[in-house]
């Protein structure tokens, strides 16, 4: 079973993050807040695609659902 901490580590191994918080307690359903400079100039769909790419096959195998809110560093400072 996957932990929220493991999921955060998977993401940060392949995506530079200024801030990441992952919640989830059943091992397959997660919520994440992700702040990354890689999101600058990208649409929300493109930002989510970057996260999915960072997770690779884990999205198919280990993670049933991932709800995420993505922010650029500038957007995060304003929130």
N, C-alpha and C. Protein backbone atom coordinates (compact mmCIF):
# COMPACT_ATOMS: atom_id res chain seq x y z
N UNK A 1 0.84 -1.18 0.00
CA UNK A 1 0.00 0.00 0.00
C UNK A 1 0.89 1.25 0.00
N UNK A 2 0.52 2.22 -0.78
CA UNK A 2 1.29 3.44 -0.96
C UNK A 2 0.91 4.48 0.10
N UNK A 3 1.90 5.15 0.65
CA UNK A 3 1.63 6.22 1.63
C UNK A 3 1.68 7.58 0.92
N UNK A 4 1.09 8.57 1.57
CA UNK A 4 1.14 9.94 1.04
C UNK A 4 2.58 10.42 0.93
N UNK A 5 3.41 10.06 1.89
CA UNK A 5 4.82 10.46 1.87
C UNK A 5 5.55 9.83 0.68
N UNK A 6 5.28 8.57 0.41
CA UNK A 6 5.91 7.90 -0.74
C UNK A 6 5.49 8.57 -2.04
N UNK A 7 4.21 8.91 -2.14
CA UNK A 7 3.72 9.57 -3.36
C UNK A 7 4.42 10.92 -3.54
N UNK A 8 4.54 11.68 -2.48
CA UNK A 8 5.24 12.97 -2.57
C UNK A 8 6.69 12.76 -3.02
N UNK A 9 7.34 11.73 -2.49
CA UNK A 9 8.71 11.44 -2.89
C UNK A 9 8.80 11.06 -4.36
N UNK A 10 7.86 10.27 -4.85
CA UNK A 10 7.85 9.90 -6.27
C UNK A 10 7.77 11.14 -7.14
N UNK A 11 6.90 12.07 -6.76
CA UNK A 11 6.73 13.29 -7.56
C UNK A 11 8.01 14.12 -7.54
N UNK A 12 8.58 14.33 -6.35
CA UNK A 12 9.76 15.20 -6.24
C UNK A 12 11.03 14.59 -6.83
N UNK A 13 11.04 13.29 -7.06
CA UNK A 13 12.19 12.67 -7.72
C UNK A 13 12.29 13.09 -9.18
N UNK A 14 11.14 13.46 -9.78
CA UNK A 14 11.12 13.76 -11.21
C UNK A 14 10.60 15.16 -11.54
N UNK A 15 10.23 15.92 -10.53
CA UNK A 15 9.69 17.25 -10.75
C UNK A 15 10.17 18.16 -9.62
N UNK A 16 10.82 19.26 -9.99
CA UNK A 16 11.29 20.21 -8.98
C UNK A 16 10.08 20.87 -8.34
N UNK A 17 9.97 20.79 -7.03
CA UNK A 17 8.84 21.36 -6.31
C UNK A 17 9.33 22.31 -5.23
N UNK A 18 8.74 23.50 -5.18
CA UNK A 18 9.01 24.43 -4.09
C UNK A 18 8.23 24.03 -2.84
N UNK A 19 7.08 23.42 -3.06
CA UNK A 19 6.22 22.98 -1.96
C UNK A 19 5.38 21.81 -2.46
N UNK A 20 5.20 20.82 -1.62
CA UNK A 20 4.30 19.71 -1.96
C UNK A 20 3.68 19.20 -0.68
N UNK A 21 2.39 18.96 -0.75
CA UNK A 21 1.67 18.36 0.37
C UNK A 21 0.72 17.33 -0.22
N UNK A 22 0.84 16.11 0.25
CA UNK A 22 -0.01 15.02 -0.23
C UNK A 22 -0.76 14.45 0.96
N UNK A 23 -2.05 14.30 0.78
CA UNK A 23 -2.90 13.69 1.80
C UNK A 23 -3.55 12.45 1.21
N UNK A 24 -3.77 11.48 2.06
CA UNK A 24 -4.45 10.26 1.66
C UNK A 24 -4.21 9.20 2.70
N UNK A 25 -5.24 8.48 3.05
CA UNK A 25 -5.06 7.50 4.11
C UNK A 25 -5.52 6.09 3.75
N UNK A 26 -5.96 5.90 2.50
CA UNK A 26 -6.39 4.55 2.13
C UNK A 26 -5.42 3.84 1.20
N UNK A 27 -4.33 4.51 0.81
CA UNK A 27 -3.31 3.88 -0.01
C UNK A 27 -3.53 3.93 -1.51
N UNK A 28 -4.71 4.40 -1.95
CA UNK A 28 -4.97 4.46 -3.39
C UNK A 28 -5.60 5.79 -3.83
N UNK A 29 -6.20 6.54 -2.92
CA UNK A 29 -6.84 7.82 -3.23
C UNK A 29 -6.07 8.93 -2.53
N UNK A 30 -5.66 9.95 -3.30
CA UNK A 30 -4.81 10.99 -2.74
C UNK A 30 -5.25 12.37 -3.21
N UNK A 31 -4.91 13.37 -2.39
CA UNK A 31 -5.07 14.78 -2.75
C UNK A 31 -3.70 15.43 -2.61
N UNK A 32 -3.36 16.30 -3.55
CA UNK A 32 -2.04 16.92 -3.51
C UNK A 32 -2.12 18.40 -3.84
N UNK A 33 -1.26 19.15 -3.17
CA UNK A 33 -0.99 20.55 -3.52
C UNK A 33 0.47 20.57 -3.95
N UNK A 34 0.70 21.04 -5.17
CA UNK A 34 2.04 21.00 -5.74
C UNK A 34 2.40 22.38 -6.29
N UNK A 35 3.53 22.91 -5.84
CA UNK A 35 4.03 24.20 -6.31
C UNK A 35 5.36 23.94 -7.00
N UNK A 36 5.43 24.30 -8.29
CA UNK A 36 6.65 24.03 -9.04
C UNK A 36 6.94 25.14 -10.05
N UNK A 37 8.20 25.51 -10.18
CA UNK A 37 8.57 26.48 -11.21
C UNK A 37 8.38 25.88 -12.62
N UNK A 38 8.30 24.58 -12.73
CA UNK A 38 8.08 23.94 -14.03
C UNK A 38 6.69 24.25 -14.58
N UNK A 39 5.78 24.74 -13.72
CA UNK A 39 4.41 25.04 -14.14
C UNK A 39 4.28 26.42 -14.80
N UNK A 40 5.31 27.25 -14.69
CA UNK A 40 5.24 28.60 -15.25
C UNK A 40 4.99 28.53 -16.75
N UNK A 41 3.98 29.28 -17.21
CA UNK A 41 3.66 29.34 -18.63
C UNK A 41 2.89 28.15 -19.15
N UNK A 42 2.48 27.25 -18.27
CA UNK A 42 1.76 26.05 -18.69
C UNK A 42 0.29 26.16 -18.25
N UNK A 43 -0.59 25.57 -19.05
CA UNK A 43 -2.00 25.50 -18.68
C UNK A 43 -2.15 24.49 -17.53
N UNK A 44 -3.31 24.50 -16.90
CA UNK A 44 -3.54 23.55 -15.81
C UNK A 44 -3.44 22.11 -16.32
N UNK A 45 -3.95 21.85 -17.50
CA UNK A 45 -3.85 20.50 -18.07
C UNK A 45 -2.38 20.11 -18.25
N UNK A 46 -1.58 21.02 -18.77
CA UNK A 46 -0.15 20.75 -18.96
C UNK A 46 0.56 20.54 -17.62
N UNK A 47 0.16 21.29 -16.62
CA UNK A 47 0.75 21.12 -15.29
C UNK A 47 0.44 19.73 -14.75
N UNK A 48 -0.81 19.32 -14.88
CA UNK A 48 -1.21 17.99 -14.41
C UNK A 48 -0.49 16.89 -15.20
N UNK A 49 -0.30 17.12 -16.48
CA UNK A 49 0.43 16.15 -17.30
C UNK A 49 1.87 15.99 -16.82
N UNK A 50 2.49 17.08 -16.38
CA UNK A 50 3.85 17.00 -15.83
C UNK A 50 3.87 16.12 -14.57
N UNK A 51 2.86 16.27 -13.73
CA UNK A 51 2.79 15.44 -12.51
C UNK A 51 2.56 13.98 -12.89
N UNK A 52 1.64 13.72 -13.81
CA UNK A 52 1.40 12.34 -14.25
C UNK A 52 2.66 11.73 -14.86
N UNK A 53 3.40 12.52 -15.63
CA UNK A 53 4.65 12.02 -16.22
C UNK A 53 5.66 11.69 -15.12
N UNK A 54 5.70 12.51 -14.06
CA UNK A 54 6.61 12.24 -12.95
C UNK A 54 6.26 10.93 -12.25
N UNK A 55 4.98 10.60 -12.23
CA UNK A 55 4.54 9.37 -11.57
C UNK A 55 4.67 8.15 -12.46
N UNK A 56 4.67 8.36 -13.76
CA UNK A 56 4.84 7.25 -14.71
C UNK A 56 3.79 6.16 -14.53
N UNK A 57 4.22 4.92 -14.56
CA UNK A 57 3.32 3.78 -14.48
C UNK A 57 2.63 3.63 -13.13
N UNK A 58 3.10 4.34 -12.14
CA UNK A 58 2.46 4.26 -10.82
C UNK A 58 1.01 4.71 -10.87
N UNK A 59 0.70 5.63 -11.80
CA UNK A 59 -0.70 6.09 -11.93
C UNK A 59 -1.61 4.94 -12.34
N UNK A 60 -1.10 4.02 -13.10
CA UNK A 60 -1.91 2.88 -13.54
C UNK A 60 -1.92 1.76 -12.51
N UNK A 61 -0.79 1.59 -11.84
CA UNK A 61 -0.62 0.41 -10.99
C UNK A 61 -0.96 0.65 -9.52
N UNK A 62 -0.44 1.72 -8.93
CA UNK A 62 -0.55 1.90 -7.48
C UNK A 62 -1.57 2.95 -7.06
N UNK A 63 -1.87 3.90 -7.93
CA UNK A 63 -2.71 5.03 -7.55
C UNK A 63 -4.03 4.95 -8.30
N UNK A 64 -5.11 4.89 -7.54
CA UNK A 64 -6.43 4.83 -8.17
C UNK A 64 -6.93 6.22 -8.54
N UNK A 65 -6.72 7.18 -7.64
CA UNK A 65 -7.21 8.54 -7.89
C UNK A 65 -6.26 9.55 -7.26
N UNK A 66 -6.00 10.62 -8.01
CA UNK A 66 -5.17 11.71 -7.52
C UNK A 66 -5.84 13.03 -7.87
N UNK A 67 -6.31 13.72 -6.86
CA UNK A 67 -6.87 15.05 -7.03
C UNK A 67 -5.75 16.03 -6.71
N UNK A 68 -5.50 16.96 -7.61
CA UNK A 68 -4.39 17.87 -7.34
C UNK A 68 -4.73 19.31 -7.66
N UNK A 69 -4.09 20.19 -6.88
CA UNK A 69 -4.11 21.62 -7.14
C UNK A 69 -2.67 22.00 -7.41
N UNK A 70 -2.44 22.58 -8.58
CA UNK A 70 -1.08 22.94 -8.98
C UNK A 70 -0.95 24.45 -9.05
N UNK A 71 0.22 24.93 -8.65
CA UNK A 71 0.49 26.37 -8.62
C UNK A 71 1.91 26.64 -9.08
N UNK A 72 2.08 27.79 -9.73
CA UNK A 72 3.43 28.30 -9.94
C UNK A 72 3.85 28.94 -8.62
N UNK A 73 5.14 29.17 -8.41
CA UNK A 73 5.56 29.84 -7.16
C UNK A 73 4.88 31.20 -6.96
N UNK A 74 4.70 31.95 -8.04
CA UNK A 74 4.05 33.26 -7.94
C UNK A 74 2.59 33.12 -7.52
N UNK A 75 1.89 32.17 -8.13
CA UNK A 75 0.49 31.93 -7.75
C UNK A 75 0.38 31.50 -6.28
N UNK A 76 1.31 30.67 -5.84
CA UNK A 76 1.30 30.18 -4.47
C UNK A 76 1.49 31.33 -3.46
N UNK A 77 2.39 32.27 -3.80
CA UNK A 77 2.64 33.41 -2.92
C UNK A 77 1.39 34.28 -2.78
N UNK A 78 0.59 34.36 -3.83
CA UNK A 78 -0.61 35.19 -3.81
C UNK A 78 -1.80 34.51 -3.15
N UNK A 79 -1.72 33.20 -2.96
CA UNK A 79 -2.88 32.49 -2.40
C UNK A 79 -2.91 32.56 -0.89
